[in-house]
């Protein structure tokens, strides 16, 4: 089991940047995959980016070239650097950890991008 706490959301103008952090309650060294998802009002939750234990990454097409996911095993933290933000990036962003057959979620952090 692992508890996840997201931070770093906020209000930013289009073209701006934010960095989200996801702090885990225990070591993430052995966690197979961690990821960031988002859910906009009236829409389904979608994968934004994921990073495996070997640091391989995967991105949604809509964020490729703008967002970067990284992990710091020493700090038990996963980051999402978001650049060139667009109004359509507005959503609640959730951190996820895949541990065996189980997925664990944080409480989410709101990102609002104004035009």
C-alpha atoms as a PDB file:
ATOM      1  CA  UNK A   1       0.000   0.000   0.000  1.00  0.00           C
ATOM      2  CA  UNK A   2       1.091   3.566  -0.638  1.00  0.00           C
ATOM      3  CA  UNK A   3      -0.393   6.996   0.037  1.00  0.00           C
ATOM      4  CA  UNK A   4       0.105   9.706  -2.562  1.00  0.00           C
ATOM      5  CA  UNK A   5      -0.109  13.457  -2.067  1.00  0.00           C
ATOM      6  CA  UNK A   6      -0.129  15.809  -5.055  1.00  0.00           C
ATOM      7  CA  UNK A   7       0.855  19.460  -4.962  1.00  0.00           C
ATOM      8  CA  UNK A   8       1.792  22.264  -7.306  1.00  0.00           C
ATOM      9  CA  UNK A   9      -1.495  22.963  -9.036  1.00  0.00           C
ATOM     10  CA  UNK A  10      -2.897  26.423  -9.480  1.00  0.00           C
ATOM     11  CA  UNK A  11      -4.054  29.095 -11.881  1.00  0.00           C
ATOM     12  CA  UNK A  12      -1.779  30.025 -14.765  1.00  0.00           C
ATOM     13  CA  UNK A  13      -2.149  31.926 -18.012  1.00  0.00           C
ATOM     14  CA  UNK A  14      -1.951  30.164 -21.346  1.00  0.00           C
ATOM     15  CA  UNK A  15       1.666  29.641 -22.341  1.00  0.00           C
ATOM     16  CA  UNK A  16       2.778  29.420 -18.735  1.00  0.00           C
ATOM     17  CA  UNK A  17       4.312  26.566 -16.765  1.00  0.00           C
ATOM     18  CA  UNK A  18       3.615  24.560 -13.633  1.00  0.00           C
ATOM     19  CA  UNK A  19       5.379  21.689 -11.927  1.00  0.00           C
ATOM     20  CA  UNK A  20       3.289  19.113 -10.135  1.00  0.00           C
ATOM     21  CA  UNK A  21       4.733  16.898  -7.420  1.00  0.00           C
ATOM     22  CA  UNK A  22       3.497  13.558  -6.127  1.00  0.00           C
ATOM     23  CA  UNK A  23       4.978  12.535  -2.792  1.00  0.00           C
ATOM     24  CA  UNK A  24       4.661   8.884  -1.818  1.00  0.00           C
ATOM     25  CA  UNK A  25       4.450   7.556   1.723  1.00  0.00           C
ATOM     26  CA  UNK A  26       7.077   4.907   1.073  1.00  0.00           C
ATOM     27  CA  UNK A  27       9.884   4.074  -1.287  1.00  0.00           C
ATOM     28  CA  UNK A  28       8.912   4.171  -4.946  1.00  0.00           C
ATOM     29  CA  UNK A  29      12.053   2.358  -6.063  1.00  0.00           C
ATOM     30  CA  UNK A  30      10.225  -0.907  -6.583  1.00  0.00           C
ATOM     31  CA  UNK A  31       6.947   0.511  -7.901  1.00  0.00           C
ATOM     32  CA  UNK A  32       6.586  -0.693 -11.459  1.00  0.00           C
ATOM     33  CA  UNK A  33       4.874   2.346 -12.865  1.00  0.00           C
ATOM     34  CA  UNK A  34       3.734   5.741 -11.704  1.00  0.00           C
ATOM     35  CA  UNK A  35       1.678   8.131 -13.689  1.00  0.00           C
ATOM     36  CA  UNK A  36      -0.278  11.323 -13.926  1.00  0.00           C
ATOM     37  CA  UNK A  37      -3.903  11.325 -15.013  1.00  0.00           C
ATOM     38  CA  UNK A  38      -6.329  14.191 -15.428  1.00  0.00           C
ATOM     39  CA  UNK A  39     -10.054  14.645 -15.427  1.00  0.00           C
ATOM     40  CA  UNK A  40     -11.801  17.668 -16.838  1.00  0.00           C
ATOM     41  CA  UNK A  41     -15.439  18.477 -15.972  1.00  0.00           C
ATOM     42  CA  UNK A  42     -17.787  16.178 -17.823  1.00  0.00           C
ATOM     43  CA  UNK A  43     -14.965  14.063 -19.224  1.00  0.00           C
ATOM     44  CA  UNK A  44     -13.427  10.729 -18.366  1.00  0.00           C
ATOM     45  CA  UNK A  45     -10.153  10.479 -16.524  1.00  0.00           C
ATOM     46  CA  UNK A  46      -7.290  10.116 -18.999  1.00  0.00           C
ATOM     47  CA  UNK A  47      -3.642   9.191 -18.828  1.00  0.00           C
ATOM     48  CA  UNK A  48      -1.313  12.147 -19.241  1.00  0.00           C
ATOM     49  CA  UNK A  49       2.079  10.542 -18.678  1.00  0.00           C
ATOM     50  CA  UNK A  50       3.627   7.523 -17.025  1.00  0.00           C
ATOM     51  CA  UNK A  51       7.087   6.468 -15.965  1.00  0.00           C
ATOM     52  CA  UNK A  52       8.295   2.956 -15.283  1.00  0.00           C
ATOM     53  CA  UNK A  53      10.863   1.750 -12.784  1.00  0.00           C
ATOM     54  CA  UNK A  54      13.418   1.674 -15.602  1.00  0.00           C
ATOM     55  CA  UNK A  55      12.540   5.371 -16.248  1.00  0.00           C
ATOM     56  CA  UNK A  56      10.965   4.677 -19.615  1.00  0.00           C
ATOM     57  CA  UNK A  57       8.151   7.134 -20.251  1.00  0.00           C
ATOM     58  CA  UNK A  58       4.872   7.337 -22.094  1.00  0.00           C
ATOM     59  CA  UNK A  59       2.856  10.451 -22.969  1.00  0.00           C
ATOM     60  CA  UNK A  60      -0.561  11.251 -24.305  1.00  0.00           C
ATOM     61  CA  UNK A  61      -0.337  12.701 -27.782  1.00  0.00           C
ATOM     62  CA  UNK A  62      -1.924  15.936 -26.583  1.00  0.00           C
ATOM     63  CA  UNK A  63       0.981  16.693 -24.208  1.00  0.00           C
ATOM     64  CA  UNK A  64       3.990  15.334 -26.098  1.00  0.00           C
ATOM     65  CA  UNK A  65       6.734  17.923 -26.355  1.00  0.00           C
ATOM     66  CA  UNK A  66       5.157  20.095 -23.637  1.00  0.00           C
ATOM     67  CA  UNK A  67       5.050  17.901 -20.514  1.00  0.00           C
ATOM     68  CA  UNK A  68       7.852  15.920 -18.906  1.00  0.00           C
ATOM     69  CA  UNK A  69       7.443  13.254 -16.249  1.00  0.00           C
ATOM     70  CA  UNK A  70      10.309  12.312 -13.958  1.00  0.00           C
ATOM     71  CA  UNK A  71      10.890  10.412 -10.753  1.00  0.00           C
ATOM     72  CA  UNK A  72      13.274  10.945  -7.852  1.00  0.00           C
ATOM     73  CA  UNK A  73      13.519   7.650  -6.006  1.00  0.00           C
ATOM     74  CA  UNK A  74      15.605   9.206  -3.230  1.00  0.00           C
ATOM     75  CA  UNK A  75      12.771  11.632  -2.444  1.00  0.00           C
ATOM     76  CA  UNK A  76       9.951   9.161  -3.168  1.00  0.00           C
ATOM     77  CA  UNK A  77       8.505  11.763  -5.519  1.00  0.00           C
ATOM     78  CA  UNK A  78       7.267  11.900  -9.093  1.00  0.00           C
ATOM     79  CA  UNK A  79       7.078  15.179 -10.965  1.00  0.00           C
ATOM     80  CA  UNK A  80       5.181  16.495 -13.952  1.00  0.00           C
ATOM     81  CA  UNK A  81       6.722  19.547 -15.567  1.00  0.00           C
ATOM     82  CA  UNK A  82       4.088  21.240 -17.687  1.00  0.00           C
ATOM     83  CA  UNK A  83       5.151  23.909 -20.182  1.00  0.00           C
ATOM     84  CA  UNK A  84       3.269  25.833 -22.857  1.00  0.00           C
ATOM     85  CA  UNK A  85       0.022  25.228 -21.023  1.00  0.00           C
ATOM     86  CA  UNK A  86      -3.235  25.553 -22.911  1.00  0.00           C
ATOM     87  CA  UNK A  87      -6.786  26.177 -21.656  1.00  0.00           C
ATOM     88  CA  UNK A  88      -7.636  22.595 -22.641  1.00  0.00           C
ATOM     89  CA  UNK A  89      -5.119  21.379 -20.049  1.00  0.00           C
ATOM     90  CA  UNK A  90      -7.491  22.590 -17.341  1.00  0.00           C
ATOM     91  CA  UNK A  91      -8.403  19.618 -15.142  1.00  0.00           C
ATOM     92  CA  UNK A  92      -7.860  17.929 -11.827  1.00  0.00           C
ATOM     93  CA  UNK A  93      -4.564  16.078 -12.033  1.00  0.00           C
ATOM     94  CA  UNK A  94      -4.180  12.806 -10.169  1.00  0.00           C
ATOM     95  CA  UNK A  95      -1.098  10.793  -9.333  1.00  0.00           C
ATOM     96  CA  UNK A  96      -1.279   7.020  -9.653  1.00  0.00           C
ATOM     97  CA  UNK A  97       0.976   4.206  -8.496  1.00  0.00           C
ATOM     98  CA  UNK A  98       0.669   0.687  -9.900  1.00  0.00           C
ATOM     99  CA  UNK A  99       1.699  -1.778  -7.195  1.00  0.00           C
ATOM    100  CA  UNK A 100       1.242  -5.353  -8.271  1.00  0.00           C
ATOM    101  CA  UNK A 101      -2.384  -5.743  -9.292  1.00  0.00           C
ATOM    102  CA  UNK A 102      -3.496  -2.637  -7.429  1.00  0.00           C
ATOM    103  CA  UNK A 103      -3.635   1.009  -8.347  1.00  0.00           C
ATOM    104  CA  UNK A 104      -3.386   3.762  -5.746  1.00  0.00           C
ATOM    105  CA  UNK A 105      -4.542   7.343  -6.245  1.00  0.00           C
ATOM    106  CA  UNK A 106      -3.856  10.697  -4.701  1.00  0.00           C
ATOM    107  CA  UNK A 107      -6.555  13.228  -3.919  1.00  0.00           C
ATOM    108  CA  UNK A 108      -5.817  15.346  -6.977  1.00  0.00           C
ATOM    109  CA  UNK A 109      -4.670  18.892  -7.588  1.00  0.00           C
ATOM    110  CA  UNK A 110      -6.516  21.468  -9.674  1.00  0.00           C
ATOM    111  CA  UNK A 111      -4.816  23.021 -12.683  1.00  0.00           C
ATOM    112  CA  UNK A 112      -6.600  25.921 -14.336  1.00  0.00           C
ATOM    113  CA  UNK A 113      -5.236  27.565 -17.473  1.00  0.00           C
ATOM    114  CA  UNK A 114      -6.788  30.884 -18.447  1.00  0.00           C
ATOM    115  CA  UNK A 115      -6.862  32.144 -22.025  1.00  0.00           C
END
